[in-house]
N, C-alpha and C. Protein backbone atom coordinates (compact mmCIF):
# COMPACT_ATOMS: atom_id res chain seq x y z
N MET A 1 153.04 135.01 133.72
CA MET A 1 152.57 133.47 133.44
C MET A 1 151.05 133.38 133.57
N LYS A 2 150.01 134.49 134.65
CA LYS A 2 149.13 134.18 134.66
C LYS A 2 148.90 135.13 132.84
N SER A 3 148.84 135.75 132.85
CA SER A 3 148.03 136.54 131.91
C SER A 3 148.32 135.10 130.59
N MET A 4 149.06 134.52 130.47
CA MET A 4 149.72 133.79 129.14
C MET A 4 148.40 132.54 129.76
N THR A 5 148.37 132.17 130.26
CA THR A 5 147.39 131.31 130.75
C THR A 5 145.74 131.27 130.49
N THR A 6 145.53 132.87 131.20
CA THR A 6 144.45 133.41 130.43
C THR A 6 144.08 133.54 129.31
N THR A 7 145.55 133.73 128.17
CA THR A 7 145.15 134.47 126.97
C THR A 7 145.07 132.78 126.25
N ARG A 8 146.00 131.18 126.71
CA ARG A 8 145.08 129.86 126.34
C ARG A 8 143.93 129.76 126.62
N THR A 9 143.55 129.31 127.68
CA THR A 9 142.07 129.16 128.62
C THR A 9 141.50 130.03 127.35
N ILE A 10 141.05 131.53 127.24
CA ILE A 10 140.17 131.73 126.22
C ILE A 10 140.42 131.86 124.76
N SER A 11 141.39 131.05 124.54
CA SER A 11 141.86 130.61 122.85
C SER A 11 141.22 129.45 123.36
N VAL A 12 140.85 128.22 123.53
CA VAL A 12 141.05 127.10 123.34
C VAL A 12 138.86 127.16 124.01
N VAL A 13 138.82 128.26 124.72
CA VAL A 13 136.89 128.52 124.49
C VAL A 13 136.66 129.40 123.23
N MET A 14 137.72 129.91 122.67
CA MET A 14 137.23 130.63 121.59
C MET A 14 137.14 129.73 120.48
N THR A 15 138.29 128.42 120.84
CA THR A 15 138.34 127.77 119.06
C THR A 15 136.92 126.89 119.64
N ALA A 16 136.52 125.93 121.17
CA ALA A 16 135.86 125.16 121.52
C ALA A 16 134.24 125.53 120.96
N LEU A 17 133.16 126.87 120.93
CA LEU A 17 132.77 127.50 120.69
C LEU A 17 132.78 128.19 119.27
N MET A 18 133.38 128.38 117.83
CA MET A 18 133.74 128.30 116.53
C MET A 18 133.48 127.04 116.27
N LEU A 19 134.09 126.34 116.85
CA LEU A 19 133.96 124.78 116.71
C LEU A 19 131.89 124.03 116.93
N THR A 20 132.23 124.64 117.31
CA THR A 20 130.49 123.92 118.04
C THR A 20 129.76 124.83 117.18
N GLY A 21 129.73 126.27 116.18
CA GLY A 21 128.85 126.89 115.74
C GLY A 21 129.31 126.49 114.35
N ALA A 22 130.80 125.57 113.92
CA ALA A 22 130.32 124.50 112.32
C ALA A 22 129.49 123.82 112.04
N MET A 23 129.77 123.35 113.40
CA MET A 23 129.32 121.86 113.76
C MET A 23 127.69 121.98 113.58
N THR A 24 127.09 122.73 114.56
CA THR A 24 125.46 123.47 114.35
C THR A 24 125.01 123.19 112.48
N ALA A 25 125.99 124.27 112.18
CA ALA A 25 125.44 125.15 110.62
C ALA A 25 125.95 123.84 109.89
N CYS A 26 127.21 122.98 109.70
CA CYS A 26 126.54 122.28 109.11
C CYS A 26 125.22 120.78 109.30
N LYS A 27 124.93 121.25 110.47
CA LYS A 27 124.07 120.35 110.97
C LYS A 27 122.54 120.97 110.16
N SER A 28 122.21 122.05 110.40
CA SER A 28 121.31 123.42 109.39
C SER A 28 121.53 123.21 108.32
N LYS A 29 122.17 122.53 107.48
CA LYS A 29 122.29 122.44 106.03
C LYS A 29 122.58 121.43 105.74
N LYS A 30 122.74 120.04 106.94
CA LYS A 30 122.44 118.50 106.64
C LYS A 30 120.60 118.66 106.49
N LYS A 31 120.09 118.82 107.60
CA LYS A 31 118.44 119.13 107.59
C LYS A 31 117.66 119.80 107.04
N ALA A 32 118.40 120.60 106.39
CA ALA A 32 118.19 121.89 105.59
C ALA A 32 117.90 121.13 103.72
N ALA A 33 118.42 120.57 103.45
CA ALA A 33 119.52 120.13 102.61
C ALA A 33 118.05 118.16 102.28
N GLU A 34 117.69 117.86 103.57
CA GLU A 34 116.63 116.48 103.85
C GLU A 34 115.87 116.50 103.28
N ALA A 35 115.09 118.47 104.17
CA ALA A 35 113.67 118.33 103.59
C ALA A 35 113.55 119.42 102.56
N ALA A 36 113.94 119.60 101.60
CA ALA A 36 114.55 120.25 99.81
C ALA A 36 114.20 118.61 99.60
N LYS A 37 115.23 117.65 99.92
CA LYS A 37 115.12 116.10 99.49
C LYS A 37 113.88 115.61 99.21
N ASP A 38 113.27 116.34 100.36
CA ASP A 38 111.65 115.12 100.56
C ASP A 38 110.24 115.84 99.96
N ALA A 39 110.66 117.76 99.80
CA ALA A 39 109.36 118.13 99.49
C ALA A 39 109.26 117.95 98.39
N PRO A 40 107.98 118.30 98.06
CA PRO A 40 107.10 118.22 96.46
C PRO A 40 107.93 118.50 95.51
N PRO A 41 106.95 118.66 94.41
CA PRO A 41 107.57 119.37 93.73
C PRO A 41 107.24 120.37 93.64
N ALA A 42 107.52 121.95 92.19
CA ALA A 42 106.37 123.05 93.31
C ALA A 42 104.87 123.02 92.40
N GLY A 43 104.78 123.39 93.15
CA GLY A 43 102.73 123.40 92.44
C GLY A 43 102.39 122.30 92.73
N GLU A 44 103.18 121.38 93.64
CA GLU A 44 101.91 120.18 94.50
C GLU A 44 102.30 120.23 95.72
N VAL A 45 101.39 119.73 95.94
CA VAL A 45 101.16 118.85 97.68
C VAL A 45 100.94 117.98 97.67
N GLU A 46 101.60 117.69 98.93
CA GLU A 46 101.40 116.09 98.94
C GLU A 46 100.27 115.86 99.60
N VAL A 47 99.73 115.63 99.33
CA VAL A 47 97.51 114.91 100.33
C VAL A 47 98.31 113.97 101.34
N LYS A 48 98.18 113.94 102.57
CA LYS A 48 98.26 112.98 103.41
C LYS A 48 96.61 111.73 103.88
N VAL A 49 96.78 110.94 103.76
CA VAL A 49 95.90 110.28 103.51
C VAL A 49 95.67 108.98 104.91
N MET A 50 94.20 109.52 105.12
CA MET A 50 94.73 108.95 106.12
C MET A 50 94.19 107.24 106.70
N CYS A 51 94.47 106.22 107.21
CA CYS A 51 94.11 104.79 107.43
C CYS A 51 94.91 103.82 106.46
N SER A 52 95.80 104.33 105.79
CA SER A 52 97.24 104.22 104.96
C SER A 52 98.23 103.98 105.07
N GLY A 53 98.87 103.19 104.04
CA GLY A 53 100.42 103.18 104.27
C GLY A 53 101.10 102.15 104.83
N PRO A 54 102.22 102.09 104.84
CA PRO A 54 102.84 100.59 104.58
C PRO A 54 102.49 99.58 105.96
N GLU A 55 101.99 100.88 107.36
CA GLU A 55 101.24 98.90 108.24
C GLU A 55 100.54 99.06 107.79
N PHE A 56 99.30 99.31 106.63
CA PHE A 56 97.89 99.47 106.94
C PHE A 56 97.99 98.07 105.04
N PHE A 57 99.51 97.41 104.84
CA PHE A 57 99.92 97.08 103.12
C PHE A 57 99.63 95.42 103.92
N THR A 58 98.99 94.09 102.81
CA THR A 58 98.90 92.86 102.80
C THR A 58 100.15 92.67 103.09
N ASP A 59 99.74 91.66 103.99
CA ASP A 59 101.79 90.93 104.20
C ASP A 59 101.03 89.34 103.99
N ASN A 60 101.98 88.61 104.84
CA ASN A 60 101.79 87.07 104.63
C ASN A 60 100.60 86.19 105.61
N LYS A 61 100.43 86.88 106.83
CA LYS A 61 99.43 86.97 108.05
C LYS A 61 98.00 87.19 107.44
N VAL A 62 97.91 88.11 106.49
CA VAL A 62 96.85 89.04 106.73
C VAL A 62 96.58 89.84 105.23
N PHE A 63 95.47 90.25 104.53
CA PHE A 63 94.78 90.91 103.63
C PHE A 63 94.04 91.75 103.98
N ARG A 64 94.60 93.09 103.85
CA ARG A 64 94.39 94.56 104.51
C ARG A 64 93.81 95.03 102.78
N ALA A 65 92.68 96.47 102.67
CA ALA A 65 92.35 97.30 101.98
C ALA A 65 92.19 98.48 102.73
N ASN A 66 92.22 99.48 101.72
CA ASN A 66 91.51 100.57 102.55
C ASN A 66 91.36 101.99 101.95
N ALA A 67 89.01 102.37 102.18
CA ALA A 67 89.52 102.78 100.78
C ALA A 67 88.42 104.39 101.23
N LEU A 68 87.82 104.78 100.49
CA LEU A 68 87.41 106.81 101.36
C LEU A 68 86.43 106.89 100.47
N GLY A 69 85.34 106.87 101.83
CA GLY A 69 83.41 107.74 101.37
C GLY A 69 83.31 108.44 101.73
N GLU A 70 81.94 109.23 100.84
CA GLU A 70 81.90 110.55 101.33
C GLU A 70 80.54 111.02 100.71
N SER A 71 79.57 111.80 100.75
CA SER A 71 78.50 111.85 101.34
C SER A 71 78.22 113.41 101.85
N MET A 72 77.22 113.59 101.99
CA MET A 72 76.61 114.69 102.74
C MET A 72 75.88 114.19 103.84
N ASP A 73 75.82 112.69 103.95
CA ASP A 73 75.54 111.93 105.16
C ASP A 73 76.46 111.23 105.02
N GLN A 74 76.42 111.30 106.95
CA GLN A 74 77.08 111.01 107.65
C GLN A 74 77.24 109.37 107.58
N ALA A 75 76.13 108.57 107.42
CA ALA A 75 75.76 106.53 107.47
C ALA A 75 76.40 106.82 106.12
N THR A 76 76.35 107.79 105.20
CA THR A 76 76.30 107.25 103.44
C THR A 76 77.99 106.98 104.11
N ALA A 77 78.23 108.49 104.10
CA ALA A 77 79.73 108.22 103.88
C ALA A 77 80.57 106.94 104.59
N LYS A 78 79.97 106.46 104.88
CA LYS A 78 79.91 105.24 106.36
C LYS A 78 80.59 104.04 105.28
N LYS A 79 79.10 104.11 104.53
CA LYS A 79 78.82 102.07 104.27
C LYS A 79 79.90 102.68 102.53
N LYS A 80 79.98 104.19 101.65
CA LYS A 80 80.64 103.61 100.79
C LYS A 80 81.84 103.22 101.05
N ALA A 81 82.38 103.89 102.78
CA ALA A 81 84.14 103.43 102.35
C ALA A 81 84.35 102.17 102.74
N MET A 82 82.93 101.94 103.33
CA MET A 82 83.42 99.90 104.14
C MET A 82 82.37 99.52 102.26
N SER A 83 81.76 99.38 101.72
CA SER A 83 81.75 99.07 100.03
C SER A 83 83.36 98.90 99.59
N ASN A 84 83.92 100.52 99.24
CA ASN A 84 84.69 100.25 99.10
C ASN A 84 86.37 99.39 98.89
N ALA A 85 86.67 99.59 100.24
CA ALA A 85 87.51 98.45 100.64
C ALA A 85 87.38 96.88 101.15
N ARG A 86 85.63 96.31 101.30
CA ARG A 86 84.84 95.14 101.02
C ARG A 86 85.85 95.10 99.59
N ALA A 87 85.25 95.85 98.22
CA ALA A 87 85.61 95.55 96.97
C ALA A 87 86.62 95.40 96.79
N ASP A 88 87.74 96.23 96.99
CA ASP A 88 89.27 96.23 97.19
C ASP A 88 89.68 94.66 97.80
N LEU A 89 89.48 94.29 99.16
CA LEU A 89 90.00 93.54 99.05
C LEU A 89 89.96 92.25 99.24
N ALA A 90 88.06 91.83 97.97
CA ALA A 90 87.57 90.87 97.99
C ALA A 90 88.41 90.54 96.41
N GLY A 91 89.12 91.64 95.82
CA GLY A 91 90.15 91.70 94.32
C GLY A 91 91.17 91.47 94.85
N ALA A 92 91.74 91.76 95.38
CA ALA A 92 93.22 91.07 95.96
C ALA A 92 93.37 90.10 96.32
N ILE A 93 92.55 89.27 97.09
CA ILE A 93 92.34 87.91 97.55
C ILE A 93 92.02 87.23 96.10
N ASN A 94 91.14 87.61 95.42
CA ASN A 94 90.53 86.88 94.49
C ASN A 94 92.24 86.56 93.03
N THR A 95 92.98 87.18 93.39
CA THR A 95 93.80 87.58 92.49
C THR A 95 95.61 86.89 93.28
N ARG A 96 95.60 86.87 94.07
CA ARG A 96 96.69 86.40 95.34
C ARG A 96 95.89 84.08 95.21
N VAL A 97 94.51 84.44 94.94
CA VAL A 97 93.70 82.40 95.47
C VAL A 97 93.28 82.45 94.28
N LYS A 98 93.64 83.32 92.65
CA LYS A 98 93.54 82.08 91.34
C LYS A 98 95.23 81.91 91.95
N ALA A 99 96.55 82.41 92.08
CA ALA A 99 97.66 82.47 91.65
C ALA A 99 98.01 80.63 92.71
N VAL A 100 96.99 80.84 93.97
CA VAL A 100 97.20 79.68 94.30
C VAL A 100 96.68 78.39 93.68
N ILE A 101 95.42 78.59 93.11
CA ILE A 101 95.10 77.74 92.27
C ILE A 101 95.38 77.02 90.93
N ASP A 102 96.01 77.97 90.64
CA ASP A 102 96.46 77.87 89.44
C ASP A 102 98.38 76.66 89.30
N ASN A 103 98.72 77.58 90.72
CA ASN A 103 99.65 76.15 91.33
C ASN A 103 99.39 75.18 91.91
N TYR A 104 98.76 75.64 91.92
CA TYR A 104 97.93 73.40 92.73
C TYR A 104 97.90 72.45 92.05
N VAL A 105 96.73 73.03 91.35
CA VAL A 105 96.67 72.13 90.08
C VAL A 105 97.34 71.25 89.26
N ASN A 106 98.39 72.88 88.93
CA ASN A 106 99.41 72.50 88.10
C ASN A 106 100.39 71.33 88.57
N SER A 107 99.63 70.97 89.76
CA SER A 107 101.21 70.33 90.52
C SER A 107 100.56 68.74 90.87
N ARG A 108 99.19 68.90 90.55
CA ARG A 108 98.59 67.77 90.60
C ARG A 108 98.47 66.33 89.40
N GLU A 109 98.33 65.84 89.76
CA GLU A 109 98.71 64.19 88.37
C GLU A 109 96.97 64.59 87.26
N SER A 110 96.32 64.84 87.97
CA SER A 110 94.19 64.42 87.79
C SER A 110 94.80 65.21 85.96
N GLN A 111 93.46 64.35 85.60
CA GLN A 111 93.41 64.77 84.07
C GLN A 111 92.01 66.24 84.57
N ASN A 112 91.78 67.16 82.77
CA ASN A 112 90.85 67.61 83.07
C ASN A 112 90.64 68.84 84.21
N ARG A 113 92.48 69.12 84.00
CA ARG A 113 93.16 70.68 85.33
C ARG A 113 92.09 71.80 84.63
N GLU A 114 91.32 72.09 83.32
CA GLU A 114 91.18 73.22 83.75
C GLU A 114 89.99 73.10 84.38
N GLU A 115 88.92 71.85 84.21
CA GLU A 115 87.72 72.25 84.38
C GLU A 115 87.91 72.37 86.69
N ILE A 116 88.79 71.59 86.69
CA ILE A 116 89.01 71.10 88.14
C ILE A 116 89.07 72.29 88.25
N GLY A 117 90.65 73.40 87.30
CA GLY A 117 90.55 74.63 87.98
C GLY A 117 89.33 75.84 88.13
N GLU A 118 88.92 75.46 87.05
CA GLU A 118 87.38 76.19 86.87
C GLU A 118 86.71 76.21 88.19
N ARG A 119 86.50 74.82 89.05
CA ARG A 119 85.62 74.53 89.70
C ARG A 119 86.02 75.28 91.64
N TYR A 120 87.45 74.82 91.81
CA TYR A 120 87.96 75.66 92.05
C TYR A 120 88.09 76.88 93.00
N GLU A 121 87.97 78.04 91.63
CA GLU A 121 87.68 79.36 91.21
C GLU A 121 86.91 79.74 91.83
N ALA A 122 85.80 78.64 91.22
CA ALA A 122 84.00 79.39 91.12
C ALA A 122 83.97 78.88 93.15
N LEU A 123 84.83 78.35 93.65
CA LEU A 123 84.71 77.41 95.02
C LEU A 123 84.86 78.61 95.99
N ALA A 124 85.95 79.14 95.55
CA ALA A 124 87.22 80.06 95.97
C ALA A 124 86.56 81.84 96.30
N ARG A 125 85.38 81.81 94.75
CA ARG A 125 84.60 83.25 95.35
C ARG A 125 83.54 82.84 96.19
N GLU A 126 82.51 82.12 96.13
CA GLU A 126 82.22 81.74 96.69
C GLU A 126 82.11 81.96 98.52
N VAL A 127 83.59 81.14 99.42
CA VAL A 127 84.54 81.85 100.22
C VAL A 127 84.42 82.46 100.34
N VAL A 128 85.54 83.72 99.24
CA VAL A 128 85.37 85.03 99.57
C VAL A 128 84.14 85.87 100.75
N ASP A 129 83.68 85.57 99.35
CA ASP A 129 81.64 86.09 100.23
C ASP A 129 81.31 86.94 100.98
N GLN A 130 81.52 85.03 101.33
CA GLN A 130 81.58 84.74 102.95
C GLN A 130 82.27 84.89 103.75
N GLN A 131 83.87 84.87 103.80
CA GLN A 131 84.40 85.45 104.89
C GLN A 131 84.66 87.32 104.80
N LEU A 132 84.31 87.88 103.67
CA LEU A 132 83.77 89.49 103.58
C LEU A 132 83.23 90.06 104.67
N THR A 133 81.93 89.15 105.42
CA THR A 133 81.65 90.05 105.75
C THR A 133 82.00 90.07 107.79
N GLY A 134 83.24 88.97 107.84
CA GLY A 134 83.97 88.88 108.62
C GLY A 134 85.33 89.73 109.49
N THR A 135 85.45 91.08 107.90
CA THR A 135 86.26 91.20 108.45
C THR A 135 85.97 92.35 109.40
N LYS A 136 87.99 92.86 109.59
CA LYS A 136 88.02 93.45 111.25
C LYS A 136 88.60 95.15 110.39
N THR A 137 87.96 95.81 111.36
CA THR A 137 88.25 97.22 110.99
C THR A 137 89.65 97.89 111.86
N ILE A 138 90.12 98.23 111.31
CA ILE A 138 91.43 98.36 111.76
C ILE A 138 92.00 99.81 111.84
N CYS A 139 91.26 100.19 111.26
CA CYS A 139 90.91 102.32 111.31
C CYS A 139 89.79 102.78 110.77
N GLU A 140 89.51 103.68 111.34
CA GLU A 140 88.73 104.75 110.77
C GLU A 140 88.22 105.38 111.00
N LYS A 141 88.48 106.47 110.60
CA LYS A 141 88.38 107.91 110.65
C LYS A 141 87.82 108.37 109.73
N LEU A 142 86.50 109.67 110.28
CA LEU A 142 85.56 110.56 109.82
C LEU A 142 85.93 112.50 109.47
N MET A 143 85.79 112.89 108.36
CA MET A 143 85.90 114.54 108.54
C MET A 143 84.97 115.16 108.16
N GLN A 144 84.73 116.11 108.46
CA GLN A 144 84.20 116.37 107.19
C GLN A 144 84.20 117.79 106.83
N VAL A 145 84.89 118.04 105.30
CA VAL A 145 85.07 119.34 104.35
C VAL A 145 84.51 120.24 104.46
N PRO A 146 84.86 121.51 105.59
CA PRO A 146 84.20 122.67 106.18
C PRO A 146 83.12 122.98 105.21
N ALA A 147 83.50 123.10 103.13
CA ALA A 147 84.03 124.11 102.46
C ALA A 147 82.36 123.93 101.80
N THR A 148 82.19 122.06 101.12
CA THR A 148 81.21 121.62 101.01
C THR A 148 80.03 121.02 102.02
N GLY A 149 80.37 120.85 103.37
CA GLY A 149 79.75 120.58 104.70
C GLY A 149 79.77 118.99 104.25
N ASN A 150 80.12 118.08 103.61
CA ASN A 150 80.27 116.63 102.78
C ASN A 150 81.35 116.48 104.26
N TYR A 151 81.03 115.00 104.43
CA TYR A 151 81.81 114.17 105.21
C TYR A 151 82.75 112.89 104.50
N LYS A 152 83.68 112.89 105.48
CA LYS A 152 84.25 111.80 104.43
C LYS A 152 84.51 110.81 105.49
N SER A 153 84.54 109.62 104.66
CA SER A 153 84.97 108.62 105.67
C SER A 153 86.48 107.94 105.63
N TYR A 154 87.78 107.33 106.46
CA TYR A 154 88.93 106.47 106.38
C TYR A 154 88.41 105.51 106.47
N VAL A 155 88.90 104.14 105.72
CA VAL A 155 88.63 103.10 106.67
C VAL A 155 89.31 102.30 106.12
N ALA A 156 90.48 100.99 107.54
CA ALA A 156 90.33 99.73 106.34
C ALA A 156 90.39 98.46 107.40
N ILE A 157 90.44 98.16 106.79
CA ILE A 157 90.43 96.37 106.77
C ILE A 157 91.34 95.61 106.51
N GLU A 158 90.97 94.48 107.41
CA GLU A 158 92.21 93.18 107.41
C GLU A 158 90.94 91.53 107.54
N LEU A 159 91.33 90.79 106.68
CA LEU A 159 90.94 89.24 107.41
C LEU A 159 92.40 88.71 106.75
N SER A 160 91.99 87.50 107.98
CA SER A 160 93.21 86.25 108.64
C SER A 160 93.38 85.44 107.14
N ALA A 161 94.28 85.59 106.88
CA ALA A 161 95.03 84.85 105.94
C ALA A 161 94.57 83.39 105.96
N GLN A 162 94.95 83.23 107.68
CA GLN A 162 94.50 81.74 108.33
C GLN A 162 93.44 81.60 108.25
N GLU A 163 92.39 82.51 108.33
CA GLU A 163 91.55 81.78 108.90
C GLU A 163 90.07 82.01 107.22
N LEU A 164 91.39 82.58 106.02
CA LEU A 164 90.53 82.37 105.11
C LEU A 164 91.32 80.42 105.24
N LEU A 165 92.45 80.84 104.91
CA LEU A 165 92.79 78.80 104.68
C LEU A 165 91.77 77.93 104.73
N SER A 166 91.39 77.81 106.72
CA SER A 166 90.60 76.96 107.88
C SER A 166 88.73 77.23 106.73
N ALA A 167 88.69 78.43 105.84
CA ALA A 167 87.25 78.70 105.31
C ALA A 167 87.44 77.86 104.27
N TYR A 168 88.08 78.21 103.90
CA TYR A 168 89.07 77.20 101.91
C TYR A 168 89.30 76.08 102.52
N ASN A 169 89.84 74.95 103.39
CA ASN A 169 89.71 73.65 103.41
C ASN A 169 88.46 72.99 103.68
N GLU A 170 87.68 73.69 104.37
CA GLU A 170 86.57 73.28 104.91
C GLU A 170 85.47 73.44 103.52
N ARG A 171 84.96 74.69 102.72
CA ARG A 171 84.38 74.50 102.19
C ARG A 171 85.28 72.83 100.60
N LEU A 172 85.76 73.51 100.43
CA LEU A 172 86.79 72.30 99.46
C LEU A 172 86.83 70.55 99.49
N SER A 173 87.32 70.69 101.30
CA SER A 173 87.04 69.33 101.56
C SER A 173 85.56 68.24 101.18
N SER A 174 84.61 69.55 101.53
CA SER A 174 83.11 68.85 101.31
C SER A 174 82.81 68.84 100.10
N ASP A 175 83.34 69.35 98.91
CA ASP A 175 82.81 69.57 97.97
C ASP A 175 83.05 68.08 96.63
N GLU A 176 82.39 67.00 97.06
CA GLU A 176 81.87 66.08 95.79
C GLU A 176 83.24 66.15 94.70
N ARG A 177 83.00 67.05 93.88
CA ARG A 177 83.39 66.48 92.71
C ARG A 177 85.23 66.66 92.57
N LEU A 178 85.77 67.82 94.39
CA LEU A 178 87.12 67.70 94.06
C LEU A 178 87.43 66.56 95.28
N ARG A 179 86.41 66.28 96.18
CA ARG A 179 87.30 65.40 97.25
C ARG A 179 88.73 64.34 97.47
N ILE A 180 88.01 64.08 95.56
CA ILE A 180 88.64 62.48 95.80
C ILE A 180 90.48 63.62 94.75
N ASP A 181 90.84 64.53 94.72
CA ASP A 181 91.43 65.25 94.02
C ASP A 181 92.75 66.17 95.09
N TYR A 182 91.32 66.56 96.00
CA TYR A 182 91.58 67.00 96.74
C TYR A 182 93.10 67.17 97.87
N ASP A 183 94.08 67.52 98.93
CA ASP A 183 94.71 67.16 99.24
C ASP A 183 94.91 68.93 100.38
N TYR A 184 94.61 68.80 101.45
CA TYR A 184 94.49 70.23 102.40
C TYR A 184 96.12 69.88 102.37
N GLU A 185 97.22 69.52 102.67
CA GLU A 185 98.61 69.60 103.08
C GLU A 185 98.90 70.80 102.18
N LYS A 186 99.34 69.75 100.79
CA LYS A 186 99.55 70.22 99.55
C LYS A 186 98.93 72.30 98.93
N PHE A 187 97.93 72.58 98.81
CA PHE A 187 96.78 73.20 99.66
C PHE A 187 98.29 74.58 100.67
N LYS A 188 97.87 73.56 101.17
CA LYS A 188 97.94 74.76 102.34
C LYS A 188 99.20 74.90 101.79
N GLU A 189 100.58 73.91 101.52
CA GLU A 189 101.65 74.39 100.92
C GLU A 189 101.29 75.89 100.55
N THR A 190 101.03 75.33 99.43
CA THR A 190 101.37 76.24 98.02
C THR A 190 100.53 77.33 98.35
N PHE A 191 99.43 77.41 99.69
CA PHE A 191 99.09 78.93 99.59
C PHE A 191 100.36 80.06 100.33
N GLU A 192 100.35 78.96 101.35
CA GLU A 192 101.28 79.95 102.00
C GLU A 192 102.91 81.05 101.38
N ALA A 193 103.45 79.56 100.21
CA ALA A 193 104.19 79.78 99.58
C ALA A 193 103.79 81.91 98.72
N GLU A 194 102.67 81.28 98.15
CA GLU A 194 102.46 82.58 97.43
C GLU A 194 101.91 83.64 98.94
N MET A 195 101.18 83.45 99.77
CA MET A 195 101.58 84.52 100.70
C MET A 195 102.77 85.66 100.87
N ASN A 196 103.87 84.26 101.16
CA ASN A 196 105.29 84.18 101.90
C ASN A 196 105.78 85.49 100.11
N LYS A 197 105.36 85.44 99.68
CA LYS A 197 105.76 86.40 98.42
C LYS A 197 105.49 88.37 98.63
N LEU A 198 104.42 87.81 99.16
CA LEU A 198 104.09 88.80 99.68
C LEU A 198 105.10 90.06 100.53
N ASN A 199 106.07 89.14 101.66
CA ASN A 199 106.64 89.73 102.22
C ASN A 199 107.89 90.39 101.47
N ASN A 200 108.12 89.62 100.06
CA ASN A 200 109.25 90.10 100.16
C ASN A 200 109.86 90.72 98.64
N ARG A 201 108.30 91.26 99.02
CA ARG A 201 108.04 92.47 97.91
C ARG A 201 108.99 93.58 98.09
């Protein structure tokens, strides 16, 4: 009787060990399959770019941009990176604001829409140029390439959409040619609707 109980216990333990082994093997195969799926194609190596990725994308609250600058001199590498990032940020803002202005002007009853639209865009560019000095640096990494001795500066910057809207409002409401037509609430509504599209991409 004792020997039968011992045999059963051994069988249960062996079965449990086999199941554990099988499950571990399945998990290992699954991990290997996932790793293979994420592996780059043969002959290619994935490049990890610092200060970039989803957390550095523009959303409905902030405009963001990242860039790289390279030079034999540390300070020059940093300046290049910041200059490139600001240029990218300005381009992204101007594209988004042009869409806001087009939608806003088209919703108005005013005559000479084309002329008014051009005036809005000219003022918008002035505001962007002024506001770029107030960008916030959200990531900055400085690396050196041993092979060349060059420095690489990675940077990511952001600008608050709300601050930009306030600056637009101040500039547009003080312009004599646009003051009659300008409706802040309508402009704000159009601006926010355009920004919300960024979250639905």
